[in-house]
N, C-alpha and C. Protein backbone atom coordinates (compact mmCIF):
# COMPACT_ATOMS: atom_id res chain seq x y z
N UNK A 1 86.48 109.80 103.15
CA UNK A 1 86.34 109.10 104.42
C UNK A 1 87.68 109.01 105.01
N UNK A 2 87.78 109.45 106.27
CA UNK A 2 89.11 109.44 107.03
C UNK A 2 89.17 108.29 108.01
N UNK A 3 90.13 107.40 107.74
CA UNK A 3 90.30 106.28 108.68
C UNK A 3 91.42 106.61 109.73
N UNK A 4 91.18 106.28 111.03
CA UNK A 4 92.20 106.48 112.01
C UNK A 4 92.48 104.98 112.53
N UNK A 5 93.74 104.63 112.41
CA UNK A 5 94.22 103.28 112.50
C UNK A 5 95.19 103.12 113.70
N UNK A 6 94.89 102.18 114.62
CA UNK A 6 95.74 101.83 115.63
C UNK A 6 95.86 100.19 115.70
N UNK A 7 96.62 99.74 116.48
CA UNK A 7 96.70 98.25 116.78
C UNK A 7 97.69 98.00 117.87
N UNK A 8 97.57 96.82 118.38
CA UNK A 8 98.46 96.34 119.43
C UNK A 8 98.64 97.41 120.60
N UNK A 9 97.50 97.57 121.27
CA UNK A 9 97.44 98.47 122.42
C UNK A 9 97.63 97.73 123.81
N UNK A 10 97.38 96.45 123.78
CA UNK A 10 97.75 95.63 124.93
C UNK A 10 97.10 96.09 126.25
N UNK A 11 95.96 96.64 126.27
CA UNK A 11 95.30 97.29 127.39
C UNK A 11 95.93 98.47 127.93
N UNK A 12 96.80 99.07 127.10
CA UNK A 12 97.40 100.45 127.50
C UNK A 12 96.73 101.63 126.81
N UNK A 13 95.41 101.38 126.31
CA UNK A 13 94.77 102.36 125.60
C UNK A 13 94.59 103.73 126.34
N UNK A 14 94.42 103.76 127.64
CA UNK A 14 94.29 104.98 128.36
C UNK A 14 95.57 105.76 128.38
N UNK A 15 96.66 105.22 128.00
CA UNK A 15 97.86 105.94 128.03
C UNK A 15 98.24 106.42 126.70
N UNK A 16 97.41 106.24 125.63
CA UNK A 16 97.71 106.82 124.34
C UNK A 16 97.39 108.31 124.42
N UNK A 17 98.41 109.29 124.04
CA UNK A 17 98.20 110.63 124.28
C UNK A 17 97.11 111.29 123.52
N UNK A 18 96.79 110.86 122.29
CA UNK A 18 95.80 111.52 121.46
C UNK A 18 95.45 110.56 120.31
N UNK A 19 94.11 110.56 120.19
CA UNK A 19 93.51 109.77 119.06
C UNK A 19 92.88 110.83 118.17
N UNK A 20 93.36 110.96 116.88
CA UNK A 20 92.79 111.93 115.97
C UNK A 20 91.35 111.71 115.69
N UNK A 21 90.57 112.71 115.42
CA UNK A 21 89.06 112.43 115.00
C UNK A 21 89.08 111.97 113.56
N UNK A 22 88.03 111.39 113.15
CA UNK A 22 87.88 110.82 111.74
C UNK A 22 86.57 110.16 111.54
N UNK A 23 86.31 109.55 110.49
CA UNK A 23 85.04 108.94 110.21
C UNK A 23 85.03 107.52 110.66
N UNK A 24 86.10 106.76 110.60
CA UNK A 24 86.09 105.37 110.96
C UNK A 24 87.35 105.07 111.71
N UNK A 25 87.14 104.66 112.96
CA UNK A 25 88.29 104.20 113.96
C UNK A 25 88.47 102.75 113.69
N UNK A 26 89.73 102.25 113.51
CA UNK A 26 89.96 100.86 113.25
C UNK A 26 91.14 100.43 114.18
N UNK A 27 90.82 99.34 114.94
CA UNK A 27 91.76 98.69 115.74
C UNK A 27 92.08 97.33 115.18
N UNK A 28 93.38 97.07 114.80
CA UNK A 28 93.67 95.90 114.06
C UNK A 28 94.15 94.73 115.00
N UNK A 29 93.67 94.58 116.15
CA UNK A 29 93.93 93.35 117.06
C UNK A 29 95.01 93.74 118.14
N UNK A 30 94.98 92.77 119.12
CA UNK A 30 95.79 92.88 120.38
C UNK A 30 95.33 94.09 121.19
N UNK A 31 94.14 94.30 121.34
CA UNK A 31 93.48 95.35 122.20
C UNK A 31 93.65 95.04 123.58
N UNK A 32 93.85 93.72 123.97
CA UNK A 32 93.88 93.29 125.31
C UNK A 32 95.32 92.92 125.88
N UNK A 33 95.35 93.02 127.25
CA UNK A 33 96.59 92.75 127.93
C UNK A 33 96.63 91.22 128.25
N UNK A 34 95.82 90.84 129.34
CA UNK A 34 95.70 89.46 129.67
C UNK A 34 94.71 88.68 128.88
N UNK A 35 93.94 89.32 128.09
CA UNK A 35 92.95 88.60 127.17
C UNK A 35 91.65 88.24 127.88
N UNK A 36 91.30 88.94 128.98
CA UNK A 36 90.09 88.61 129.71
C UNK A 36 88.91 89.43 129.33
N UNK A 37 87.72 89.01 129.77
CA UNK A 37 86.59 89.79 129.64
C UNK A 37 86.59 91.06 130.25
N UNK A 38 87.24 91.14 131.43
CA UNK A 38 87.36 92.41 132.11
C UNK A 38 88.23 93.35 131.35
N UNK A 39 89.22 92.79 130.60
CA UNK A 39 90.07 93.68 129.70
C UNK A 39 89.14 94.40 128.62
N UNK A 40 88.19 93.50 128.17
CA UNK A 40 87.30 93.98 127.01
C UNK A 40 86.38 95.06 127.62
N UNK A 41 85.91 94.85 128.82
CA UNK A 41 84.96 95.85 129.40
C UNK A 41 85.62 97.20 129.58
N UNK A 42 86.91 97.19 130.00
CA UNK A 42 87.64 98.45 130.19
C UNK A 42 87.96 99.03 128.80
N UNK A 43 88.34 98.20 127.78
CA UNK A 43 88.62 98.65 126.49
C UNK A 43 87.34 99.23 125.80
N UNK A 44 86.23 98.56 126.13
CA UNK A 44 84.98 99.13 125.54
C UNK A 44 84.57 100.48 126.21
N UNK A 45 84.93 100.70 127.46
CA UNK A 45 84.63 102.01 128.11
C UNK A 45 85.53 103.09 127.38
N UNK A 46 86.72 102.66 127.06
CA UNK A 46 87.55 103.68 126.46
C UNK A 46 87.05 103.99 125.03
N UNK A 47 86.55 102.99 124.29
CA UNK A 47 86.15 103.21 123.02
C UNK A 47 84.93 104.18 123.07
N UNK A 48 84.10 104.13 124.10
CA UNK A 48 83.01 104.95 124.28
C UNK A 48 83.38 106.42 124.48
N UNK A 49 84.57 106.78 124.82
CA UNK A 49 84.95 108.14 124.88
C UNK A 49 85.38 108.66 123.59
N UNK A 50 85.60 107.89 122.59
CA UNK A 50 86.07 108.40 121.29
C UNK A 50 85.02 108.92 120.41
N UNK A 51 85.22 109.97 119.59
CA UNK A 51 84.08 110.66 119.01
C UNK A 51 83.83 110.06 117.64
N UNK A 52 84.50 109.05 117.11
CA UNK A 52 84.28 108.64 115.78
C UNK A 52 82.95 107.96 115.49
N UNK A 53 82.34 108.29 114.36
CA UNK A 53 80.90 107.76 114.09
C UNK A 53 80.96 106.26 113.95
N UNK A 54 82.02 105.69 113.42
CA UNK A 54 82.00 104.25 113.29
C UNK A 54 83.37 103.77 113.88
N UNK A 55 83.33 102.59 114.47
CA UNK A 55 84.48 101.99 115.14
C UNK A 55 84.52 100.50 114.76
N UNK A 56 85.59 100.02 114.32
CA UNK A 56 85.82 98.60 113.85
C UNK A 56 86.93 98.00 114.76
N UNK A 57 86.79 96.84 115.18
CA UNK A 57 87.74 96.08 116.03
C UNK A 57 87.90 94.69 115.52
N UNK A 58 89.09 94.20 115.38
CA UNK A 58 89.30 92.84 115.10
C UNK A 58 90.24 92.34 116.39
N UNK A 59 90.23 90.97 116.42
CA UNK A 59 90.95 90.32 117.51
C UNK A 59 92.47 90.04 117.04
N UNK A 60 93.32 89.81 118.02
CA UNK A 60 94.68 89.45 117.70
C UNK A 60 95.18 88.21 118.57
N UNK A 61 96.44 87.90 118.53
CA UNK A 61 96.81 86.67 119.23
C UNK A 61 96.86 86.77 120.65
N UNK A 62 96.75 87.96 121.28
CA UNK A 62 96.66 88.25 122.74
C UNK A 62 95.11 88.21 123.13
N UNK A 63 94.23 88.20 122.28
CA UNK A 63 92.88 88.63 122.58
C UNK A 63 92.02 87.21 122.90
N UNK A 64 92.54 86.53 123.92
CA UNK A 64 91.96 85.16 124.15
C UNK A 64 90.50 85.12 124.41
N UNK A 65 89.80 86.09 125.03
CA UNK A 65 88.43 86.01 125.30
C UNK A 65 87.57 85.94 124.07
N UNK A 66 88.03 86.44 122.97
CA UNK A 66 87.37 86.43 121.70
C UNK A 66 87.35 85.11 121.11
N UNK A 67 88.35 84.31 121.51
CA UNK A 67 88.53 82.86 121.04
C UNK A 67 87.73 81.92 121.95
N UNK A 68 88.05 82.14 123.23
CA UNK A 68 87.53 81.15 124.30
C UNK A 68 86.17 81.36 124.67
N UNK A 69 85.78 82.63 124.68
CA UNK A 69 84.18 82.87 125.12
C UNK A 69 83.74 83.96 124.16
N UNK A 70 83.54 83.52 122.92
CA UNK A 70 83.32 84.52 121.87
C UNK A 70 81.91 85.21 122.07
N UNK A 71 80.92 84.61 122.56
CA UNK A 71 79.65 85.19 122.67
C UNK A 71 79.75 86.23 123.73
N UNK A 72 80.37 85.94 124.95
CA UNK A 72 80.54 86.92 126.01
C UNK A 72 81.39 88.07 125.66
N UNK A 73 82.40 87.81 124.85
CA UNK A 73 83.34 88.83 124.34
C UNK A 73 82.62 89.85 123.48
N UNK A 74 81.83 89.33 122.55
CA UNK A 74 81.05 90.25 121.60
C UNK A 74 80.03 91.04 122.30
N UNK A 75 79.42 90.36 123.40
CA UNK A 75 78.38 91.15 124.15
C UNK A 75 79.05 92.25 124.89
N UNK A 76 80.36 92.03 125.36
CA UNK A 76 80.93 93.12 126.11
C UNK A 76 81.53 94.24 125.23
N UNK A 77 81.59 93.99 123.92
CA UNK A 77 82.13 95.12 123.01
C UNK A 77 80.94 95.78 122.33
N UNK A 78 80.36 96.67 123.08
CA UNK A 78 79.15 97.30 122.60
C UNK A 78 79.40 98.58 121.79
N UNK A 79 80.72 99.05 122.00
CA UNK A 79 80.88 100.41 121.23
C UNK A 79 81.72 100.33 120.03
N UNK A 80 81.71 99.12 119.34
CA UNK A 80 82.44 98.92 118.17
C UNK A 80 81.78 97.78 117.28
N UNK A 81 81.97 97.77 116.06
CA UNK A 81 81.79 96.64 115.23
C UNK A 81 82.87 95.63 115.27
N UNK A 82 82.57 94.38 115.59
CA UNK A 82 83.63 93.38 115.76
C UNK A 82 83.54 92.49 114.44
N UNK A 83 84.73 92.37 113.83
CA UNK A 83 84.79 91.57 112.55
C UNK A 83 85.73 90.40 112.83
N UNK A 84 85.22 89.21 112.45
CA UNK A 84 86.07 87.93 112.54
C UNK A 84 85.72 87.09 111.31
N UNK A 85 86.51 87.26 110.26
CA UNK A 85 86.10 86.61 109.03
C UNK A 85 84.89 87.07 108.44
N UNK A 86 84.60 88.37 108.63
CA UNK A 86 83.39 88.90 108.24
C UNK A 86 83.58 90.35 107.82
N UNK A 87 82.53 90.94 107.27
CA UNK A 87 82.68 92.36 106.69
C UNK A 87 81.56 93.23 107.10
N UNK A 88 81.64 94.48 106.83
CA UNK A 88 80.72 95.45 106.94
C UNK A 88 80.86 96.55 105.91
N UNK A 89 79.76 97.05 105.41
CA UNK A 89 79.81 98.15 104.48
C UNK A 89 79.43 99.49 105.18
N UNK A 90 80.27 100.48 105.14
CA UNK A 90 79.95 101.75 105.80
C UNK A 90 80.06 102.89 104.68
N UNK A 91 79.06 103.51 104.44
CA UNK A 91 78.95 104.62 103.49
C UNK A 91 79.56 104.25 102.06
N UNK A 92 79.20 102.99 101.62
CA UNK A 92 79.67 102.47 100.37
C UNK A 92 81.01 101.86 100.35
N UNK A 93 81.66 101.92 101.41
CA UNK A 93 83.14 101.35 101.54
C UNK A 93 83.00 99.97 102.23
N UNK A 94 83.54 98.94 101.63
CA UNK A 94 83.52 97.58 102.15
C UNK A 94 84.75 97.19 102.92
N UNK A 95 84.47 96.87 104.18
CA UNK A 95 85.56 96.48 105.21
C UNK A 95 85.46 94.94 105.36
N UNK A 96 86.69 94.40 105.57
CA UNK A 96 86.75 92.96 105.93
C UNK A 96 87.76 92.81 107.03
N UNK A 97 87.50 92.09 108.04
CA UNK A 97 88.47 91.80 109.15
C UNK A 97 88.69 90.36 109.42
N UNK A 98 89.94 89.99 109.73
CA UNK A 98 90.39 88.62 110.06
C UNK A 98 91.50 88.73 111.09
N UNK A 99 91.35 87.83 112.11
CA UNK A 99 92.42 87.89 113.27
C UNK A 99 93.56 86.97 113.17
N UNK A 100 93.68 86.04 112.09
CA UNK A 100 94.56 84.96 112.10
C UNK A 100 96.00 85.33 111.78
N UNK A 101 96.91 84.66 112.38
CA UNK A 101 98.37 84.81 112.20
C UNK A 101 99.01 83.45 112.11
N UNK A 102 100.18 83.34 111.43
CA UNK A 102 100.87 82.07 111.42
C UNK A 102 101.27 81.64 112.74
N UNK A 103 101.26 80.33 113.07
CA UNK A 103 101.52 79.69 114.33
C UNK A 103 102.93 80.13 114.81
N UNK A 104 102.97 80.66 116.06
CA UNK A 104 104.25 80.94 116.71
C UNK A 104 103.98 80.85 118.24
N UNK A 105 104.65 79.76 118.84
CA UNK A 105 104.36 79.45 120.27
C UNK A 105 102.80 79.15 120.42
N UNK A 106 102.25 79.44 121.50
CA UNK A 106 100.87 79.14 121.72
C UNK A 106 99.98 80.28 122.19
N UNK A 107 99.48 80.92 121.09
CA UNK A 107 98.62 82.09 121.24
C UNK A 107 97.34 81.89 120.56
N UNK A 108 96.35 82.94 120.70
CA UNK A 108 95.08 82.85 120.10
C UNK A 108 95.17 83.06 118.69
N UNK A 109 94.16 82.59 117.93
CA UNK A 109 93.96 82.84 116.50
C UNK A 109 95.08 82.53 115.70
N UNK A 110 95.72 81.44 115.89
CA UNK A 110 96.88 81.14 115.09
C UNK A 110 96.65 79.83 114.31
N UNK A 111 97.17 79.81 113.09
CA UNK A 111 96.90 78.63 112.23
C UNK A 111 98.30 78.29 111.52
N UNK A 112 98.50 77.03 111.03
CA UNK A 112 99.75 76.77 110.37
C UNK A 112 99.82 77.50 109.08
N UNK A 113 100.92 77.73 108.66
CA UNK A 113 101.23 78.34 107.27
C UNK A 113 100.68 77.31 106.12
N UNK A 114 100.40 77.91 105.04
CA UNK A 114 99.96 77.09 103.98
C UNK A 114 98.41 77.01 103.90
N UNK A 115 97.90 75.84 103.65
CA UNK A 115 96.41 75.67 103.45
C UNK A 115 95.60 76.15 104.60
N UNK A 116 95.95 75.80 105.87
CA UNK A 116 94.97 76.30 106.88
C UNK A 116 94.77 77.86 106.95
N UNK A 117 95.94 78.60 106.78
CA UNK A 117 95.71 80.03 106.81
C UNK A 117 95.12 80.47 105.44
N UNK A 118 95.50 79.84 104.29
CA UNK A 118 94.92 80.19 103.06
C UNK A 118 93.48 80.09 102.91
N UNK A 119 92.98 78.99 103.69
CA UNK A 119 91.42 78.88 103.63
C UNK A 119 90.79 80.24 104.20
N UNK A 120 91.39 80.82 105.20
CA UNK A 120 90.83 82.03 105.75
C UNK A 120 90.92 83.18 104.76
N UNK A 121 92.13 83.27 104.09
CA UNK A 121 92.25 84.41 103.08
C UNK A 121 91.36 84.27 101.89
N UNK A 122 91.03 83.07 101.55
CA UNK A 122 89.99 82.85 100.43
C UNK A 122 88.71 83.28 100.75
N UNK A 123 88.28 83.57 102.05
CA UNK A 123 87.02 84.03 102.41
C UNK A 123 86.89 85.54 102.17
N UNK A 124 87.99 86.29 101.92
CA UNK A 124 87.96 87.72 101.71
C UNK A 124 87.33 88.05 100.39
N UNK A 125 86.16 88.78 100.38
CA UNK A 125 85.54 89.09 99.10
C UNK A 125 86.29 89.87 98.08
N UNK A 126 86.17 89.54 96.89
CA UNK A 126 86.97 90.25 95.77
C UNK A 126 86.77 91.70 95.75
N UNK A 127 85.50 92.15 96.26
CA UNK A 127 85.18 93.59 96.21
C UNK A 127 85.60 94.48 97.40
N UNK A 128 86.46 93.86 98.26
CA UNK A 128 86.89 94.50 99.53
C UNK A 128 87.68 95.79 99.24
N UNK A 129 87.35 96.92 99.88
CA UNK A 129 88.11 98.00 99.79
C UNK A 129 89.17 98.17 100.85
N UNK A 130 88.79 97.85 102.11
CA UNK A 130 89.57 98.00 103.25
C UNK A 130 89.70 96.65 103.92
N UNK A 131 91.00 96.08 103.95
CA UNK A 131 91.31 94.79 104.62
C UNK A 131 91.96 95.07 105.86
N UNK A 132 91.52 94.40 106.93
CA UNK A 132 92.06 94.55 108.19
C UNK A 132 92.47 93.20 108.69
N UNK A 133 93.63 92.91 108.84
CA UNK A 133 94.19 91.69 109.36
C UNK A 133 95.00 91.89 110.66
N UNK A 134 95.22 90.99 111.56
CA UNK A 134 96.08 91.18 112.61
C UNK A 134 97.51 91.17 112.20
N UNK A 135 97.88 90.18 111.36
CA UNK A 135 99.20 89.98 110.91
C UNK A 135 99.55 90.57 109.60
N UNK A 136 100.83 90.82 109.37
CA UNK A 136 101.22 91.45 107.97
C UNK A 136 101.44 90.38 106.98
N UNK A 137 101.42 90.89 105.79
CA UNK A 137 101.80 90.04 104.70
C UNK A 137 103.32 89.86 104.55
N UNK A 138 103.79 88.82 103.99
CA UNK A 138 105.21 88.56 104.01
C UNK A 138 105.98 89.74 103.38
N UNK A 139 107.08 90.14 104.02
CA UNK A 139 107.93 91.18 103.47
C UNK A 139 107.56 92.58 103.59
N UNK A 140 106.25 92.92 104.22
CA UNK A 140 105.89 94.20 104.28
C UNK A 140 105.52 94.49 105.84
N UNK A 141 106.31 95.36 106.63
CA UNK A 141 106.09 95.65 107.91
C UNK A 141 106.11 94.49 108.79
N UNK A 142 106.84 93.47 108.47
CA UNK A 142 106.78 92.09 109.19
C UNK A 142 108.15 91.79 109.73
N UNK A 143 109.17 92.67 109.80
CA UNK A 143 110.46 92.21 110.24
C UNK A 143 110.51 92.30 111.79
N UNK A 144 110.64 91.17 112.33
CA UNK A 144 110.62 91.04 113.84
C UNK A 144 112.05 90.76 114.34
N UNK A 145 112.37 91.23 115.45
CA UNK A 145 113.65 90.91 116.04
C UNK A 145 113.63 89.58 116.78
N UNK A 146 114.37 88.66 116.28
CA UNK A 146 114.36 87.28 116.84
C UNK A 146 115.83 86.94 117.46
N UNK A 147 115.99 87.43 118.60
CA UNK A 147 117.25 87.19 119.25
C UNK A 147 118.32 88.12 118.67
N UNK A 148 119.26 87.56 117.94
CA UNK A 148 120.41 88.29 117.45
C UNK A 148 120.20 88.73 116.01
N UNK A 149 119.10 88.40 115.45
CA UNK A 149 118.89 88.78 114.04
C UNK A 149 117.35 89.09 113.77
N UNK A 150 117.18 89.83 112.64
CA UNK A 150 115.80 90.07 112.29
C UNK A 150 115.24 89.13 111.32
N UNK A 151 113.96 89.01 111.30
CA UNK A 151 113.37 87.81 110.39
C UNK A 151 112.05 88.44 109.91
N UNK A 152 111.77 88.17 108.60
CA UNK A 152 110.41 88.43 108.07
C UNK A 152 109.49 87.30 108.48
N UNK A 153 108.37 87.62 109.23
CA UNK A 153 107.50 86.53 109.78
C UNK A 153 106.09 86.62 109.14
N UNK A 154 105.94 87.55 108.28
CA UNK A 154 104.58 87.66 107.65
C UNK A 154 104.07 86.46 106.87
N UNK A 155 102.86 86.50 106.38
CA UNK A 155 102.32 85.36 105.69
C UNK A 155 102.40 85.58 104.13
N UNK A 156 102.99 84.60 103.48
CA UNK A 156 103.17 84.63 102.05
C UNK A 156 101.86 84.57 101.39
N UNK A 157 100.95 83.77 101.84
CA UNK A 157 99.73 83.54 101.19
C UNK A 157 98.83 84.87 101.32
N UNK A 158 98.98 85.49 102.49
CA UNK A 158 98.31 86.76 102.60
C UNK A 158 98.81 87.85 101.56
N UNK A 159 100.13 87.73 101.39
CA UNK A 159 100.69 88.72 100.38
C UNK A 159 100.07 88.44 98.99
N UNK A 160 100.07 87.14 98.66
CA UNK A 160 99.47 86.85 97.35
C UNK A 160 98.01 87.32 97.27
N UNK A 161 97.32 87.19 98.33
CA UNK A 161 95.98 87.57 98.38
C UNK A 161 95.86 89.17 98.08
N UNK A 162 96.61 89.87 98.84
CA UNK A 162 96.60 91.28 98.82
C UNK A 162 97.03 91.68 97.35
N UNK A 163 97.91 90.96 96.70
CA UNK A 163 98.30 91.33 95.43
C UNK A 163 97.21 91.08 94.36
N UNK A 164 96.32 90.10 94.61
CA UNK A 164 95.25 89.80 93.77
C UNK A 164 94.05 90.75 93.91
N UNK A 165 93.83 91.21 95.14
CA UNK A 165 92.67 92.05 95.29
C UNK A 165 92.90 93.62 94.92
N UNK A 166 91.88 94.23 94.56
CA UNK A 166 91.94 95.67 94.35
C UNK A 166 91.71 96.61 95.53
N UNK A 167 92.56 96.34 96.62
CA UNK A 167 92.33 97.00 97.79
C UNK A 167 92.74 98.49 97.70
N UNK A 168 92.05 99.30 98.44
CA UNK A 168 92.44 100.69 98.70
C UNK A 168 93.49 100.67 99.76
N UNK A 169 93.34 99.94 100.91
CA UNK A 169 94.19 99.97 101.97
C UNK A 169 94.12 98.64 102.73
N UNK A 170 95.30 98.18 103.21
CA UNK A 170 95.35 96.99 104.12
C UNK A 170 96.02 97.41 105.47
N UNK A 171 95.25 97.22 106.53
CA UNK A 171 95.68 97.58 107.96
C UNK A 171 96.00 96.41 108.70
N UNK A 172 97.09 96.43 109.37
CA UNK A 172 97.49 95.32 110.26
C UNK A 172 98.37 95.89 111.41
N UNK A 173 98.93 94.82 112.15
CA UNK A 173 99.83 95.30 113.28
C UNK A 173 100.67 94.03 113.56
N UNK A 174 100.57 93.49 114.85
CA UNK A 174 101.17 92.28 115.25
C UNK A 174 102.70 92.42 115.52
N UNK A 175 103.35 92.91 114.40
CA UNK A 175 104.84 93.01 114.54
C UNK A 175 105.11 94.50 114.92
N UNK A 176 105.48 94.77 116.12
CA UNK A 176 105.54 96.11 116.56
C UNK A 176 106.60 96.87 115.86
N UNK A 177 107.76 96.15 115.54
CA UNK A 177 108.90 96.83 114.91
C UNK A 177 108.60 97.31 113.53
N UNK A 178 107.52 96.82 112.94
CA UNK A 178 107.21 97.15 111.58
C UNK A 178 106.34 98.31 111.46
N UNK A 179 106.04 99.06 112.45
CA UNK A 179 105.05 100.19 112.32
C UNK A 179 105.51 101.19 111.25
N UNK A 180 104.40 101.55 110.54
CA UNK A 180 104.64 102.50 109.44
C UNK A 180 103.72 102.34 108.27
N UNK A 181 104.02 103.04 107.22
CA UNK A 181 103.19 103.04 105.96
C UNK A 181 104.06 102.42 104.86
N UNK A 182 103.35 101.57 104.05
CA UNK A 182 104.09 100.92 102.89
C UNK A 182 103.11 100.97 101.64
N UNK A 183 103.71 100.55 100.52
CA UNK A 183 102.92 100.61 99.36
C UNK A 183 103.07 99.23 98.67
N UNK A 184 101.99 98.73 98.11
CA UNK A 184 102.03 97.47 97.35
C UNK A 184 101.06 97.71 96.15
N UNK A 185 101.60 97.99 94.95
CA UNK A 185 100.76 98.29 93.80
C UNK A 185 100.11 99.64 94.12
N UNK A 186 98.71 99.61 93.87
CA UNK A 186 97.91 100.73 94.09
C UNK A 186 97.44 100.85 95.56
N UNK A 187 97.70 99.80 96.35
CA UNK A 187 97.18 99.80 97.71
C UNK A 187 98.27 100.30 98.81
N UNK A 188 97.68 101.05 99.66
CA UNK A 188 98.48 101.48 100.85
C UNK A 188 98.41 100.38 101.91
N UNK A 189 99.57 100.11 102.44
CA UNK A 189 99.56 99.02 103.59
C UNK A 189 100.03 99.82 104.85
N UNK A 190 99.38 99.59 105.92
CA UNK A 190 99.59 100.21 107.09
C UNK A 190 99.86 99.28 108.21
N UNK A 191 101.09 99.33 108.92
CA UNK A 191 101.22 98.49 110.21
C UNK A 191 100.96 99.64 111.15
N UNK A 192 99.87 99.55 111.87
CA UNK A 192 99.40 100.47 112.89
C UNK A 192 99.71 100.24 114.28
N UNK A 193 100.75 99.40 114.56
CA UNK A 193 101.06 99.00 115.90
C UNK A 193 101.35 100.19 116.75
N UNK A 194 100.51 100.38 117.83
CA UNK A 194 100.70 101.48 118.75
C UNK A 194 101.80 101.24 119.76
N UNK A 195 102.06 100.10 120.28
CA UNK A 195 103.08 99.72 121.05
C UNK A 195 104.39 99.45 120.40
N UNK A 196 105.49 99.98 120.74
CA UNK A 196 106.83 99.57 120.22
C UNK A 196 107.30 98.29 120.74
N UNK A 197 108.53 97.99 120.31
CA UNK A 197 109.04 96.61 120.59
C UNK A 197 109.11 96.43 122.24
N UNK A 198 109.12 97.48 123.01
CA UNK A 198 109.22 97.38 124.37
C UNK A 198 107.77 97.51 125.10
N UNK A 199 106.84 97.33 124.33
CA UNK A 199 105.37 97.42 124.75
C UNK A 199 105.03 98.73 125.32
N UNK A 200 105.60 99.76 124.87
CA UNK A 200 105.24 101.12 125.24
C UNK A 200 104.38 101.83 124.05
N UNK A 201 103.25 102.27 124.57
CA UNK A 201 102.29 102.89 123.52
C UNK A 201 102.72 104.21 122.98
N UNK A 202 103.75 104.25 122.23
CA UNK A 202 104.40 105.42 121.75
C UNK A 202 104.14 105.79 120.32
N UNK A 203 103.79 104.76 119.51
CA UNK A 203 103.56 105.10 118.10
C UNK A 203 102.22 105.73 117.82
N UNK A 204 102.23 106.81 117.08
CA UNK A 204 101.05 107.66 116.87
C UNK A 204 99.97 106.88 115.96
N UNK A 205 98.70 107.14 116.16
CA UNK A 205 97.77 106.55 115.25
C UNK A 205 98.07 107.02 113.72
N UNK A 206 97.83 106.10 112.76
CA UNK A 206 97.95 106.47 111.40
C UNK A 206 96.69 106.85 110.90
N UNK A 207 96.58 108.05 110.14
CA UNK A 207 95.39 108.47 109.55
C UNK A 207 95.51 108.29 108.02
N UNK A 208 94.49 107.75 107.41
CA UNK A 208 94.53 107.50 105.98
C UNK A 208 93.09 108.06 105.32
N UNK A 209 93.25 108.81 104.29
CA UNK A 209 92.05 109.36 103.65
C UNK A 209 91.74 108.55 102.44
N UNK A 210 90.57 107.94 102.40
CA UNK A 210 90.12 107.23 101.17
C UNK A 210 89.76 108.19 100.17
């Protein structure tokens, strides 16, 4: 099974030069710019142009409509499977998606570090093959430029969860500077952020073969 992974497109999806074909297309959050229903409709139109047999989308901290008007948002997203603390099995592979990230300023789908976030991670089934979260685990693809210094901003409890699970791959985004592929035990970890730190959609989709 070939997974084609992107994230953090911020309504700039039409400007992505090329999306490789594959079996499952995955968007790990921040698909929207202003976070509106109109943004979702435009994103959904774009999804409809992609050839992938299966498409999975989760929300991110910019995707306000999925938090504030969840029913309308889901109705507008007809060309993909939307996961929010939920899963789907495709051809025997078990996927789980979750949008939450540690609180930073005032954005959507944010929770305090510690028990509030850990409650969400405990929902992840033990037999998950492919985990999709918007944010990274602590220390992996999570180094953000904070003024004059860089800082690891990922979630420590998510890292502990990833280390306990027998995942094949963990896909995330959120921290544009962390784009790339990493390894944690037997699992591949992918920061699939499409936009770079300047919010330019220049990072290529990452393809992973299960």
